[in-house]
Amino acid sequence: MATANKEYQSQLRQLAELMLAVSGESVTMLKHHVPEQALNLKRQDEWAIYLEFLKVMFNLTDRLSALYLPLKDQPAFMDCLEDAVTAQLKRVLEPAFGNHADQMEIVLTIGNAVAESRQTYERYKFLVTEESKSKDEMFRDFGEKVAELLGAPGHGQLRAAAMLCASAIVPAISAVLQGQTPPSTTPAQPGVGSAGERTEKKRATGQEIKLVSLMSSVSGEEVETRWGFHPRFRDDLTPTELQQLNKLLNRVAKILGERYAAVAFSEQWASWHKAGHA
């Protein structure tokens, strides 16, 4: 394991920083979706949501590392990633807790998160780089779990936002594993370049980021159409722009959902209906 830690030291550090940053930003973004429930959240509730994001990210990284790393290195790499996340979390918490932080508790917390990640998400069989019904089910179940932790079970928009936050990290993890520079996950600083300039900088990395996600899926006799924003895209919008885009996407979702329902339940598209997604 020491060899893997040394050979992949840069990737491990970047992944640890990425996972913690996206988890924290995702919790903040989701709280904005349900301000009333957010006011009643206790610190341990927010911590549980934060850990849930870490769990799904450990699973996604495990799946992706199997594609980009030699098979003999992959198990040791994931063990080292657990250590890297633990070390990074200690550094993040140190300014707040100082010498009073329980180091062993952090080690146990991350260890339990990894174990629960395997128990919860490994049962879904899919290739993370391809779309599939099993992949959709995992993200949907993850989104519902987060909605329940936020005190809003069945909240479709909140579930879609959680799914988008989790799925948006896949290109960044892939970039790190390939030795490339991942898309930035730090908040946009006011006054530092225009939105167009920031877009050009992101394109220079050679990575594509899904800013808006809109999907229709069928379950039994019901069709669900949902959409969501990448959290960084939301931060770049003014309140007026956000309101206009919300209105537009609600209209698009309605049109798409109605069209999908009409087509999916028609006789000529019976096989598509069985696929469960569009």
C-alpha atoms as a PDB file:
ATOM      1  CA  MET A   1       0.000   0.000   0.000  1.00  0.00           C
ATOM      2  CA  ALA A   2       2.951   2.312   0.650  1.00  0.00           C
ATOM      3  CA  THR A   3       3.992   1.873  -2.996  1.00  0.00           C
ATOM      4  CA  ALA A   4       0.542   2.875  -4.243  1.00  0.00           C
ATOM      5  CA  ASN A   5       0.507   5.868  -1.913  1.00  0.00           C
ATOM      6  CA  LYS A   6       3.833   7.095  -3.287  1.00  0.00           C
ATOM      7  CA  GLU A   7       3.107   6.364  -6.951  1.00  0.00           C
ATOM      8  CA  TYR A   8      -0.321   8.000  -6.947  1.00  0.00           C
ATOM      9  CA  GLN A   9       0.306  10.631  -4.279  1.00  0.00           C
ATOM     10  CA  SER A  10      -0.773  13.564  -6.457  1.00  0.00           C
ATOM     11  CA  GLN A  11      -3.997  11.896  -7.627  1.00  0.00           C
ATOM     12  CA  LEU A  12      -4.882  10.808  -4.082  1.00  0.00           C
ATOM     13  CA  ARG A  13      -4.436  14.332  -2.738  1.00  0.00           C
ATOM     14  CA  GLN A  14      -6.490  15.863  -5.564  1.00  0.00           C
ATOM     15  CA  LEU A  15      -9.282  13.309  -5.158  1.00  0.00           C
ATOM     16  CA  ALA A  16      -9.451  13.846  -1.393  1.00  0.00           C
ATOM     17  CA  GLU A  17      -9.669  17.623  -1.832  1.00  0.00           C
ATOM     18  CA  LEU A  18     -12.248  17.237  -4.609  1.00  0.00           C
ATOM     19  CA  MET A  19     -14.489  14.857  -2.671  1.00  0.00           C
ATOM     20  CA  LEU A  20     -14.538  16.991   0.470  1.00  0.00           C
ATOM     21  CA  ALA A  21     -15.078  20.230  -1.461  1.00  0.00           C
ATOM     22  CA  VAL A  22     -17.949  18.873  -3.562  1.00  0.00           C
ATOM     23  CA  SER A  23     -19.595  17.267  -0.517  1.00  0.00           C
ATOM     24  CA  GLY A  24     -19.508  20.554   1.387  1.00  0.00           C
ATOM     25  CA  GLU A  25     -20.728  22.631  -1.552  1.00  0.00           C
ATOM     26  CA  SER A  26     -23.502  20.126  -2.283  1.00  0.00           C
ATOM     27  CA  VAL A  27     -24.851  20.300   1.273  1.00  0.00           C
ATOM     28  CA  THR A  28     -24.889  24.111   1.104  1.00  0.00           C
ATOM     29  CA  MET A  29     -26.614  24.120  -2.274  1.00  0.00           C
ATOM     30  CA  LEU A  30     -29.278  21.603  -1.237  1.00  0.00           C
ATOM     31  CA  LYS A  31     -30.130  23.607   1.885  1.00  0.00           C
ATOM     32  CA  HIS A  32     -31.060  26.499  -0.407  1.00  0.00           C
ATOM     33  CA  HIS A  33     -33.684  24.266  -2.060  1.00  0.00           C
ATOM     34  CA  VAL A  34     -35.546  23.687   1.214  1.00  0.00           C
ATOM     35  CA  PRO A  35     -34.895  26.734   3.436  1.00  0.00           C
ATOM     36  CA  GLU A  36     -37.615  25.826   5.955  1.00  0.00           C
ATOM     37  CA  GLN A  37     -36.210  22.343   6.584  1.00  0.00           C
ATOM     38  CA  ALA A  38     -32.676  23.751   6.565  1.00  0.00           C
ATOM     39  CA  LEU A  39     -33.510  25.985   9.527  1.00  0.00           C
ATOM     40  CA  ASN A  40     -34.371  22.901  11.579  1.00  0.00           C
ATOM     41  CA  LEU A  41     -31.257  20.935  10.653  1.00  0.00           C
ATOM     42  CA  LYS A  42     -28.900  20.154  13.490  1.00  0.00           C
ATOM     43  CA  ARG A  43     -25.146  19.890  13.016  1.00  0.00           C
ATOM     44  CA  GLN A  44     -25.276  16.085  13.115  1.00  0.00           C
ATOM     45  CA  ASP A  45     -27.970  16.125  10.412  1.00  0.00           C
ATOM     46  CA  GLU A  46     -25.768  18.169   8.082  1.00  0.00           C
ATOM     47  CA  TRP A  47     -22.861  15.878   8.907  1.00  0.00           C
ATOM     48  CA  ALA A  48     -24.960  12.842   7.913  1.00  0.00           C
ATOM     49  CA  ILE A  49     -25.762  14.425   4.529  1.00  0.00           C
ATOM     50  CA  TYR A  50     -22.096  15.331   4.035  1.00  0.00           C
ATOM     51  CA  LEU A  51     -21.079  11.741   4.735  1.00  0.00           C
ATOM     52  CA  GLU A  52     -23.736  10.415   2.353  1.00  0.00           C
ATOM     53  CA  PHE A  53     -22.121  12.381  -0.458  1.00  0.00           C
ATOM     54  CA  LEU A  54     -18.721  11.007   0.531  1.00  0.00           C
ATOM     55  CA  LYS A  55     -20.121   7.476   0.426  1.00  0.00           C
ATOM     56  CA  VAL A  56     -21.439   7.761  -3.119  1.00  0.00           C
ATOM     57  CA  MET A  57     -18.207   9.459  -4.232  1.00  0.00           C
ATOM     58  CA  PHE A  58     -16.117   6.631  -2.795  1.00  0.00           C
ATOM     59  CA  ASN A  59     -18.248   4.235  -4.818  1.00  0.00           C
ATOM     60  CA  LEU A  60     -17.939   6.266  -8.024  1.00  0.00           C
ATOM     61  CA  THR A  61     -14.173   6.572  -7.580  1.00  0.00           C
ATOM     62  CA  ASP A  62     -13.892   2.837  -6.968  1.00  0.00           C
ATOM     63  CA  ARG A  63     -15.751   2.127 -10.226  1.00  0.00           C
ATOM     64  CA  LEU A  64     -13.720   4.652 -12.220  1.00  0.00           C
ATOM     65  CA  SER A  65     -10.334   3.639 -10.791  1.00  0.00           C
ATOM     66  CA  ALA A  66     -10.943   0.115 -12.083  1.00  0.00           C
ATOM     67  CA  LEU A  67     -11.083   1.598 -15.596  1.00  0.00           C
ATOM     68  CA  TYR A  68      -7.979   3.780 -15.425  1.00  0.00           C
ATOM     69  CA  LEU A  69      -5.562   1.997 -13.067  1.00  0.00           C
ATOM     70  CA  PRO A  70      -3.844  -1.395 -13.353  1.00  0.00           C
ATOM     71  CA  LEU A  71      -5.996  -4.002 -11.637  1.00  0.00           C
ATOM     72  CA  LYS A  72      -3.155  -4.967  -9.314  1.00  0.00           C
ATOM     73  CA  ASP A  73      -2.926  -1.363  -8.037  1.00  0.00           C
ATOM     74  CA  GLN A  74      -6.626  -0.624  -7.693  1.00  0.00           C
ATOM     75  CA  PRO A  75      -7.367  -2.204  -4.247  1.00  0.00           C
ATOM     76  CA  ALA A  76      -4.332  -0.544  -2.630  1.00  0.00           C
ATOM     77  CA  PHE A  77      -5.224   2.750  -4.327  1.00  0.00           C
ATOM     78  CA  MET A  78      -8.688   2.744  -2.746  1.00  0.00           C
ATOM     79  CA  ASP A  79      -7.206   1.941   0.683  1.00  0.00           C
ATOM     80  CA  CYS A  80      -4.822   4.880   0.256  1.00  0.00           C
ATOM     81  CA  LEU A  81      -7.719   7.115  -0.828  1.00  0.00           C
ATOM     82  CA  GLU A  82      -9.453   6.367   2.456  1.00  0.00           C
ATOM     83  CA  ASP A  83      -6.302   7.488   4.287  1.00  0.00           C
ATOM     84  CA  ALA A  84      -5.998  10.589   2.079  1.00  0.00           C
ATOM     85  CA  VAL A  85      -9.592  11.652   2.728  1.00  0.00           C
ATOM     86  CA  THR A  86      -9.089  11.097   6.468  1.00  0.00           C
ATOM     87  CA  ALA A  87      -5.916  13.198   6.471  1.00  0.00           C
ATOM     88  CA  GLN A  88      -7.553  15.971   4.443  1.00  0.00           C
ATOM     89  CA  LEU A  89     -10.591  16.009   6.727  1.00  0.00           C
ATOM     90  CA  LYS A  90      -8.309  16.383   9.744  1.00  0.00           C
ATOM     91  CA  ARG A  91      -6.688  19.409   8.111  1.00  0.00           C
ATOM     92  CA  VAL A  92     -10.095  20.903   7.271  1.00  0.00           C
ATOM     93  CA  LEU A  93     -11.414  20.477  10.825  1.00  0.00           C
ATOM     94  CA  GLU A  94      -8.251  21.550  12.613  1.00  0.00           C
ATOM     95  CA  PRO A  95      -8.873  25.328  12.358  1.00  0.00           C
ATOM     96  CA  ALA A  96     -12.327  24.866  13.901  1.00  0.00           C
ATOM     97  CA  PHE A  97     -11.445  22.412  16.658  1.00  0.00           C
ATOM     98  CA  GLY A  98      -7.704  22.922  17.138  1.00  0.00           C
ATOM     99  CA  ASN A  99      -6.077  20.361  19.385  1.00  0.00           C
ATOM    100  CA  HIS A 100      -9.481  19.300  20.688  1.00  0.00           C
ATOM    101  CA  ALA A 101     -10.372  17.388  17.518  1.00  0.00           C
ATOM    102  CA  ASP A 102     -10.664  13.646  18.149  1.00  0.00           C
ATOM    103  CA  GLN A 103      -8.307  12.248  15.498  1.00  0.00           C
ATOM    104  CA  MET A 104      -9.348   8.636  16.062  1.00  0.00           C
ATOM    105  CA  GLU A 105     -13.016   9.518  15.720  1.00  0.00           C
ATOM    106  CA  ILE A 106     -12.316  10.990  12.282  1.00  0.00           C
ATOM    107  CA  VAL A 107     -10.467   7.815  11.258  1.00  0.00           C
ATOM    108  CA  LEU A 108     -13.379   5.656  12.419  1.00  0.00           C
ATOM    109  CA  THR A 109     -15.939   7.928  10.760  1.00  0.00           C
ATOM    110  CA  ILE A 110     -14.307   7.709   7.328  1.00  0.00           C
ATOM    111  CA  GLY A 111     -13.702   3.975   7.765  1.00  0.00           C
ATOM    112  CA  ASN A 112     -17.401   3.457   8.532  1.00  0.00           C
ATOM    113  CA  ALA A 113     -18.376   5.647   5.569  1.00  0.00           C
ATOM    114  CA  VAL A 114     -16.305   3.474   3.214  1.00  0.00           C
ATOM    115  CA  ALA A 115     -17.808   0.281   4.657  1.00  0.00           C
ATOM    116  CA  GLU A 116     -21.366   1.635   4.381  1.00  0.00           C
ATOM    117  CA  SER A 117     -20.626   2.833   0.841  1.00  0.00           C
ATOM    118  CA  ARG A 118     -19.831  -0.734  -0.173  1.00  0.00           C
ATOM    119  CA  GLN A 119     -22.898  -2.141   1.576  1.00  0.00           C
ATOM    120  CA  THR A 120     -25.239   0.452   0.061  1.00  0.00           C
ATOM    121  CA  TYR A 121     -23.990   1.055  -3.473  1.00  0.00           C
ATOM    122  CA  GLU A 122     -21.954  -1.945  -4.661  1.00  0.00           C
ATOM    123  CA  ARG A 123     -25.126  -3.945  -5.283  1.00  0.00           C
ATOM    124  CA  TYR A 124     -25.934  -1.749  -8.282  1.00  0.00           C
ATOM    125  CA  LYS A 125     -24.282  -3.315 -11.325  1.00  0.00           C
ATOM    126  CA  PHE A 126     -23.378  -0.853 -14.060  1.00  0.00           C
ATOM    127  CA  LEU A 127     -20.483   0.717 -15.937  1.00  0.00           C
ATOM    128  CA  VAL A 128     -20.159   4.257 -14.645  1.00  0.00           C
ATOM    129  CA  THR A 129     -19.208   5.691 -18.058  1.00  0.00           C
ATOM    130  CA  GLU A 130     -22.419   4.417 -19.709  1.00  0.00           C
ATOM    131  CA  GLU A 131     -26.100   5.143 -19.148  1.00  0.00           C
ATOM    132  CA  SER A 132     -28.152   2.270 -17.755  1.00  0.00           C
ATOM    133  CA  LYS A 133     -31.269   1.563 -15.727  1.00  0.00           C
ATOM    134  CA  SER A 134     -29.207   0.301 -12.787  1.00  0.00           C
ATOM    135  CA  LYS A 135     -27.121   3.485 -12.778  1.00  0.00           C
ATOM    136  CA  ASP A 136     -30.272   5.620 -12.788  1.00  0.00           C
ATOM    137  CA  GLU A 137     -31.673   3.570  -9.907  1.00  0.00           C
ATOM    138  CA  MET A 138     -28.554   4.084  -7.806  1.00  0.00           C
ATOM    139  CA  PHE A 139     -28.536   7.851  -8.285  1.00  0.00           C
ATOM    140  CA  ARG A 140     -32.297   8.017  -7.721  1.00  0.00           C
ATOM    141  CA  ASP A 141     -32.041   6.027  -4.474  1.00  0.00           C
ATOM    142  CA  PHE A 142     -29.119   8.198  -3.379  1.00  0.00           C
ATOM    143  CA  GLY A 143     -31.117  11.350  -4.118  1.00  0.00           C
ATOM    144  CA  GLU A 144     -34.094  10.069  -2.129  1.00  0.00           C
ATOM    145  CA  LYS A 145     -31.841   9.160   0.802  1.00  0.00           C
ATOM    146  CA  VAL A 146     -30.463  12.716   0.834  1.00  0.00           C
ATOM    147  CA  ALA A 147     -33.981  14.159   0.634  1.00  0.00           C
ATOM    148  CA  GLU A 148     -34.994  12.078   3.651  1.00  0.00           C
ATOM    149  CA  LEU A 149     -31.948  13.250   5.597  1.00  0.00           C
ATOM    150  CA  LEU A 150     -32.974  16.831   4.808  1.00  0.00           C
ATOM    151  CA  GLY A 151     -36.437  16.151   6.164  1.00  0.00           C
ATOM    152  CA  ALA A 152     -38.130  16.349   2.764  1.00  0.00           C
ATOM    153  CA  PRO A 153     -38.822  12.769   1.586  1.00  0.00           C
ATOM    154  CA  GLY A 154     -40.373  12.564  -1.864  1.00  0.00           C
ATOM    155  CA  HIS A 155     -39.193  16.074  -2.793  1.00  0.00           C
ATOM    156  CA  GLY A 156     -38.563  15.561  -6.517  1.00  0.00           C
ATOM    157  CA  GLN A 157     -36.567  18.730  -7.196  1.00  0.00           C
ATOM    158  CA  LEU A 158     -34.372  18.175  -4.146  1.00  0.00           C
ATOM    159  CA  ARG A 159     -33.725  14.584  -5.172  1.00  0.00           C
ATOM    160  CA  ALA A 160     -32.827  15.677  -8.707  1.00  0.00           C
ATOM    161  CA  ALA A 161     -30.429  18.311  -7.353  1.00  0.00           C
ATOM    162  CA  ALA A 162     -28.680  15.736  -5.157  1.00  0.00           C
ATOM    163  CA  MET A 163     -28.394  13.361  -8.121  1.00  0.00           C
ATOM    164  CA  LEU A 164     -26.913  16.118 -10.271  1.00  0.00           C
ATOM    165  CA  CYS A 165     -24.343  17.060  -7.615  1.00  0.00           C
ATOM    166  CA  ALA A 166     -23.203  13.449  -7.341  1.00  0.00           C
ATOM    167  CA  SER A 167     -23.119  12.693 -11.073  1.00  0.00           C
ATOM    168  CA  ALA A 168     -21.358  15.963 -11.945  1.00  0.00           C
ATOM    169  CA  ILE A 169     -18.195  14.836 -10.143  1.00  0.00           C
ATOM    170  CA  VAL A 170     -17.642  11.884 -12.512  1.00  0.00           C
ATOM    171  CA  PRO A 171     -15.761  13.886 -15.220  1.00  0.00           C
ATOM    172  CA  ALA A 172     -13.550  15.471 -12.550  1.00  0.00           C
ATOM    173  CA  ILE A 173     -12.666  12.113 -10.967  1.00  0.00           C
ATOM    174  CA  SER A 174     -11.912  10.682 -14.409  1.00  0.00           C
ATOM    175  CA  ALA A 175      -9.624  13.616 -15.180  1.00  0.00           C
ATOM    176  CA  VAL A 176      -7.658  13.149 -11.944  1.00  0.00           C
ATOM    177  CA  LEU A 177      -7.254   9.415 -12.522  1.00  0.00           C
ATOM    178  CA  GLN A 178      -5.923  10.136 -16.016  1.00  0.00           C
ATOM    179  CA  GLY A 179      -3.410  12.621 -14.643  1.00  0.00           C
ATOM    180  CA  GLN A 180      -5.234  15.660 -16.026  1.00  0.00           C
ATOM    181  CA  THR A 181      -6.291  18.843 -14.265  1.00  0.00           C
ATOM    182  CA  PRO A 182      -9.842  18.441 -12.960  1.00  0.00           C
ATOM    183  CA  PRO A 183     -12.489  21.153 -13.488  1.00  0.00           C
ATOM    184  CA  SER A 184     -12.361  23.709 -10.673  1.00  0.00           C
ATOM    185  CA  THR A 185     -14.703  23.107  -7.744  1.00  0.00           C
ATOM    186  CA  THR A 186     -13.902  26.316  -5.836  1.00  0.00           C
ATOM    187  CA  PRO A 187     -16.573  29.029  -5.719  1.00  0.00           C
ATOM    188  CA  ALA A 188     -16.352  31.702  -8.407  1.00  0.00           C
ATOM    189  CA  GLN A 189     -14.785  34.840  -6.956  1.00  0.00           C
ATOM    190  CA  PRO A 190     -16.666  38.081  -7.659  1.00  0.00           C
ATOM    191  CA  GLY A 191     -14.852  40.457  -9.946  1.00  0.00           C
ATOM    192  CA  VAL A 192     -12.415  37.863 -11.305  1.00  0.00           C
ATOM    193  CA  GLY A 193     -13.283  37.675 -14.986  1.00  0.00           C
ATOM    194  CA  SER A 194     -16.656  37.457 -16.661  1.00  0.00           C
ATOM    195  CA  ALA A 195     -18.790  34.340 -16.979  1.00  0.00           C
ATOM    196  CA  GLY A 196     -17.635  33.992 -20.593  1.00  0.00           C
ATOM    197  CA  GLU A 197     -13.988  34.161 -19.556  1.00  0.00           C
ATOM    198  CA  ARG A 198     -14.525  31.494 -16.899  1.00  0.00           C
ATOM    199  CA  THR A 199     -16.178  29.276 -19.515  1.00  0.00           C
ATOM    200  CA  GLU A 200     -13.162  29.596 -21.808  1.00  0.00           C
ATOM    201  CA  LYS A 201     -10.813  28.680 -18.955  1.00  0.00           C
ATOM    202  CA  LYS A 202     -12.828  25.560 -18.236  1.00  0.00           C
ATOM    203  CA  ARG A 203     -12.748  24.549 -21.883  1.00  0.00           C
ATOM    204  CA  ALA A 204      -8.979  24.761 -21.826  1.00  0.00           C
ATOM    205  CA  THR A 205      -8.847  21.775 -19.470  1.00  0.00           C
ATOM    206  CA  GLY A 206     -10.358  19.543 -22.157  1.00  0.00           C
ATOM    207  CA  GLN A 207     -13.169  18.487 -19.818  1.00  0.00           C
ATOM    208  CA  GLU A 208     -16.902  18.972 -20.322  1.00  0.00           C
ATOM    209  CA  ILE A 209     -19.162  19.849 -17.400  1.00  0.00           C
ATOM    210  CA  LYS A 210     -22.903  19.193 -17.477  1.00  0.00           C
ATOM    211  CA  LEU A 211     -24.450  22.496 -16.358  1.00  0.00           C
ATOM    212  CA  VAL A 212     -28.109  21.534 -16.757  1.00  0.00           C
ATOM    213  CA  SER A 213     -29.555  18.034 -16.523  1.00  0.00           C
ATOM    214  CA  LEU A 214     -33.075  17.160 -17.678  1.00  0.00           C
ATOM    215  CA  MET A 215     -34.374  13.598 -17.809  1.00  0.00           C
ATOM    216  CA  SER A 216     -37.627  11.679 -18.139  1.00  0.00           C
ATOM    217  CA  SER A 217     -38.001   8.185 -16.716  1.00  0.00           C
ATOM    218  CA  VAL A 218     -40.851   5.697 -16.486  1.00  0.00           C
ATOM    219  CA  SER A 219     -41.758   3.459 -13.562  1.00  0.00           C
ATOM    220  CA  GLY A 220     -44.831   1.286 -13.966  1.00  0.00           C
ATOM    221  CA  GLU A 221     -47.625   3.588 -15.138  1.00  0.00           C
ATOM    222  CA  GLU A 222     -45.923   6.791 -13.989  1.00  0.00           C
ATOM    223  CA  VAL A 223     -43.609   9.125 -15.909  1.00  0.00           C
ATOM    224  CA  GLU A 224     -41.317  11.459 -13.985  1.00  0.00           C
ATOM    225  CA  THR A 225     -39.481  14.384 -15.593  1.00  0.00           C
ATOM    226  CA  ARG A 226     -36.853  16.186 -13.548  1.00  0.00           C
ATOM    227  CA  TRP A 227     -34.137  18.767 -14.056  1.00  0.00           C
ATOM    228  CA  GLY A 228     -31.347  20.307 -12.029  1.00  0.00           C
ATOM    229  CA  PHE A 229     -28.390  22.712 -12.091  1.00  0.00           C
ATOM    230  CA  HIS A 230     -24.727  22.192 -11.455  1.00  0.00           C
ATOM    231  CA  PRO A 231     -24.122  24.052  -8.137  1.00  0.00           C
ATOM    232  CA  ARG A 232     -21.393  26.249  -9.625  1.00  0.00           C
ATOM    233  CA  PHE A 233     -23.682  27.255 -12.512  1.00  0.00           C
ATOM    234  CA  ARG A 234     -26.361  28.327 -10.034  1.00  0.00           C
ATOM    235  CA  ASP A 235     -23.845  30.565  -8.237  1.00  0.00           C
ATOM    236  CA  ASP A 236     -22.960  32.294 -11.515  1.00  0.00           C
ATOM    237  CA  LEU A 237     -26.566  33.372 -12.138  1.00  0.00           C
ATOM    238  CA  THR A 238     -28.250  36.512 -10.879  1.00  0.00           C
ATOM    239  CA  PRO A 239     -31.615  36.098  -9.070  1.00  0.00           C
ATOM    240  CA  THR A 240     -33.406  37.373 -12.179  1.00  0.00           C
ATOM    241  CA  GLU A 241     -31.542  34.957 -14.474  1.00  0.00           C
ATOM    242  CA  LEU A 242     -32.237  32.105 -12.071  1.00  0.00           C
ATOM    243  CA  GLN A 243     -35.956  32.910 -12.027  1.00  0.00           C
ATOM    244  CA  GLN A 244     -36.103  33.065 -15.833  1.00  0.00           C
ATOM    245  CA  LEU A 245     -34.220  29.794 -16.225  1.00  0.00           C
ATOM    246  CA  ASN A 246     -36.438  28.070 -13.645  1.00  0.00           C
ATOM    247  CA  LYS A 247     -39.520  29.169 -15.576  1.00  0.00           C
ATOM    248  CA  LEU A 248     -38.043  28.047 -18.912  1.00  0.00           C
ATOM    249  CA  LEU A 249     -36.897  24.647 -17.654  1.00  0.00           C
ATOM    250  CA  ASN A 250     -40.267  23.969 -16.021  1.00  0.00           C
ATOM    251  CA  ARG A 251     -41.878  24.551 -19.422  1.00  0.00           C
ATOM    252  CA  VAL A 252     -39.311  22.335 -21.170  1.00  0.00           C
ATOM    253  CA  ALA A 253     -39.777  19.600 -18.544  1.00  0.00           C
ATOM    254  CA  LYS A 254     -43.563  19.725 -19.047  1.00  0.00           C
ATOM    255  CA  ILE A 255     -43.241  19.442 -22.851  1.00  0.00           C
ATOM    256  CA  LEU A 256     -40.643  16.680 -22.617  1.00  0.00           C
ATOM    257  CA  GLY A 257     -42.613  14.743 -20.010  1.00  0.00           C
ATOM    258  CA  GLU A 258     -45.832  14.850 -22.006  1.00  0.00           C
ATOM    259  CA  ARG A 259     -44.056  13.842 -25.217  1.00  0.00           C
ATOM    260  CA  TYR A 260     -42.158  11.059 -23.508  1.00  0.00           C
ATOM    261  CA  ALA A 261     -45.349   9.689 -21.945  1.00  0.00           C
ATOM    262  CA  ALA A 262     -47.130   9.706 -25.310  1.00  0.00           C
ATOM    263  CA  VAL A 263     -44.282   7.912 -27.057  1.00  0.00           C
ATOM    264  CA  ALA A 264     -43.164   5.563 -24.273  1.00  0.00           C
ATOM    265  CA  PHE A 265     -46.612   4.006 -23.851  1.00  0.00           C
ATOM    266  CA  SER A 266     -47.322   3.604 -27.554  1.00  0.00           C
ATOM    267  CA  GLU A 267     -47.226   0.114 -29.098  1.00  0.00           C
ATOM    268  CA  GLN A 268     -44.340   0.826 -31.475  1.00  0.00           C
ATOM    269  CA  TRP A 269     -42.112   1.911 -28.585  1.00  0.00           C
ATOM    270  CA  ALA A 270     -42.839  -0.947 -26.183  1.00  0.00           C
ATOM    271  CA  SER A 271     -39.177  -1.963 -26.084  1.00  0.00           C
ATOM    272  CA  TRP A 272     -38.150   1.609 -25.247  1.00  0.00           C
ATOM    273  CA  HIS A 273     -40.656   1.640 -22.405  1.00  0.00           C
ATOM    274  CA  LYS A 274     -38.951  -1.420 -20.933  1.00  0.00           C
ATOM    275  CA  ALA A 275     -35.607   0.354 -21.001  1.00  0.00           C
ATOM    276  CA  GLY A 276     -36.937   2.663 -18.300  1.00  0.00           C
ATOM    277  CA  HIS A 277     -35.189   5.894 -19.265  1.00  0.00           C
ATOM    278  CA  ALA A 278     -34.703   8.417 -22.067  1.00  0.00           C
END
